Amino acid sequence: MLSVLAWNLESVLLVLLVLLALRIMMQLRGIRVRVARVEQMLVDRGSMNGERTDSESEGATDDAASSGSGAFEEFLAEDPARREMPKSERFAAYRKWRKDKGLNWSQS
């Protein structure tokens, strides 16, 4: 009789351990889901503010190299106050700078 009771006690403890492990796994899954949700919210908020994610910035560097925006960065680096100019004035000054440097396709 005692051996049956000990066997039942071991079975109950084993079941309790399995249930505890399942509960821990479910809690970890819930935490993982919440972290993913928060990360997505941060990415969305960053894209709304004009910030770029890592994958977007990598693509931007590839495009920048092919579109000649290295010249634009050089233009901005020459005078940091140019970054503070209104966009239309900044690009007008950039066009003039490119013309003065001879970087335009047509020399008109």
Protein backbone atom coordinates (compact mmCIF):
# COMPACT_ATOMS: atom_id res chain seq x y z
CA MET A 1 0.00 0.00 0.00
CA LEU A 2 2.82 2.41 0.81
CA SER A 3 4.52 1.74 -2.50
CA VAL A 4 1.33 2.62 -4.36
CA LEU A 5 0.98 5.82 -2.34
CA ALA A 6 4.63 6.74 -3.02
CA TRP A 7 4.14 6.02 -6.72
CA ASN A 8 1.02 8.22 -6.80
CA LEU A 9 2.87 10.97 -4.96
CA GLU A 10 5.72 10.82 -7.49
CA SER A 11 3.19 10.95 -10.34
CA VAL A 12 1.45 13.97 -8.84
CA LEU A 13 4.77 15.76 -8.35
CA LEU A 14 5.79 14.95 -11.93
CA VAL A 15 2.50 16.29 -13.27
CA LEU A 16 2.90 19.44 -11.16
CA LEU A 17 6.43 19.97 -12.50
CA VAL A 18 5.23 19.55 -16.08
CA LEU A 19 2.39 22.02 -15.48
CA LEU A 20 4.81 24.48 -13.90
CA ALA A 21 7.16 24.17 -16.87
CA LEU A 22 4.25 24.76 -19.27
CA ARG A 23 3.18 27.85 -17.33
CA ILE A 24 6.72 29.25 -17.42
CA MET A 25 6.92 28.60 -21.16
CA MET A 26 3.60 30.39 -21.71
CA GLN A 27 4.76 33.37 -19.65
CA LEU A 28 8.00 33.56 -21.64
CA ARG A 29 6.00 33.41 -24.87
CA GLY A 30 3.80 36.25 -23.62
CA ILE A 31 6.84 38.34 -22.76
CA ARG A 32 8.35 37.65 -26.18
CA VAL A 33 5.11 38.74 -27.88
CA ARG A 34 4.96 41.95 -25.83
CA VAL A 35 8.59 42.78 -26.57
CA ALA A 36 7.98 42.25 -30.29
CA ARG A 37 4.92 44.52 -30.09
CA VAL A 38 6.91 47.25 -28.32
CA GLU A 39 9.74 46.95 -30.87
CA GLN A 40 7.23 47.33 -33.71
CA MET A 41 5.70 50.39 -32.02
CA LEU A 42 9.15 51.94 -31.71
CA VAL A 43 9.93 51.23 -35.37
CA ASP A 44 6.59 52.74 -36.41
CA ARG A 45 7.12 55.78 -34.21
CA GLY A 46 10.66 56.20 -35.58
CA SER A 47 9.46 56.04 -39.18
CA MET A 48 6.79 58.62 -38.38
CA ASN A 49 9.50 60.95 -37.06
CA GLY A 50 11.58 60.53 -40.20
CA GLU A 51 14.15 58.23 -38.64
CA ARG A 52 15.31 55.27 -40.67
CA THR A 53 15.55 51.69 -39.59
CA ASP A 54 18.80 49.79 -40.15
CA SER A 55 17.53 48.12 -43.32
CA GLU A 56 16.27 51.44 -44.70
CA SER A 57 19.56 53.19 -43.98
CA GLU A 58 21.54 50.41 -45.67
CA GLY A 59 19.41 50.80 -48.77
CA ALA A 60 19.83 54.54 -48.59
CA THR A 61 23.61 54.28 -48.61
CA ASP A 62 23.47 52.12 -51.72
CA ASP A 63 21.19 54.65 -53.42
CA ALA A 64 23.32 57.53 -52.18
CA ALA A 65 26.45 56.11 -53.77
CA SER A 66 24.73 55.62 -57.12
CA SER A 67 22.84 58.93 -57.19
CA GLY A 68 25.80 61.15 -56.33
CA SER A 69 24.51 62.37 -52.98
CA GLY A 70 28.09 62.15 -51.74
CA ALA A 71 28.45 65.55 -53.37
CA PHE A 72 25.47 66.81 -51.40
CA GLU A 73 27.05 65.59 -48.16
CA GLU A 74 30.26 67.35 -49.16
CA PHE A 75 28.24 70.51 -49.85
CA LEU A 76 26.65 70.33 -46.39
CA ALA A 77 29.98 69.53 -44.71
CA GLU A 78 31.65 72.63 -46.16
CA ASP A 79 29.28 74.90 -44.25
CA PRO A 80 27.26 73.38 -41.38
CA ALA A 81 24.90 76.38 -41.45
CA ARG A 82 23.58 75.04 -44.76
CA ARG A 83 21.77 72.29 -42.88
CA GLU A 84 19.72 74.93 -41.09
CA MET A 85 18.63 76.67 -44.31
CA PRO A 86 15.07 76.20 -45.57
CA LYS A 87 14.87 73.33 -48.01
CA SER A 88 14.24 75.45 -51.12
CA GLU A 89 17.17 77.77 -50.34
CA ARG A 90 19.43 74.84 -49.50
CA PHE A 91 18.77 73.13 -52.84
CA ALA A 92 19.11 76.38 -54.77
CA ALA A 93 22.50 76.89 -53.11
CA TYR A 94 23.39 73.26 -53.88
CA ARG A 95 22.55 73.72 -57.57
CA LYS A 96 24.73 76.86 -57.67
CA TRP A 97 27.53 75.03 -55.82
CA ARG A 98 27.39 72.14 -58.32
CA LYS A 99 27.52 74.60 -61.22
CA ASP A 100 30.49 76.42 -59.69
CA LYS A 101 32.31 73.12 -59.13
CA GLY A 102 31.55 71.91 -62.66
CA LEU A 103 29.63 68.86 -61.43
CA ASN A 104 26.57 69.36 -63.65
CA TRP A 105 26.11 67.36 -66.84
CA SER A 106 25.44 70.41 -68.96
CA GLN A 107 27.67 73.41 -68.52
CA SER A 108 24.93 75.94 -69.30
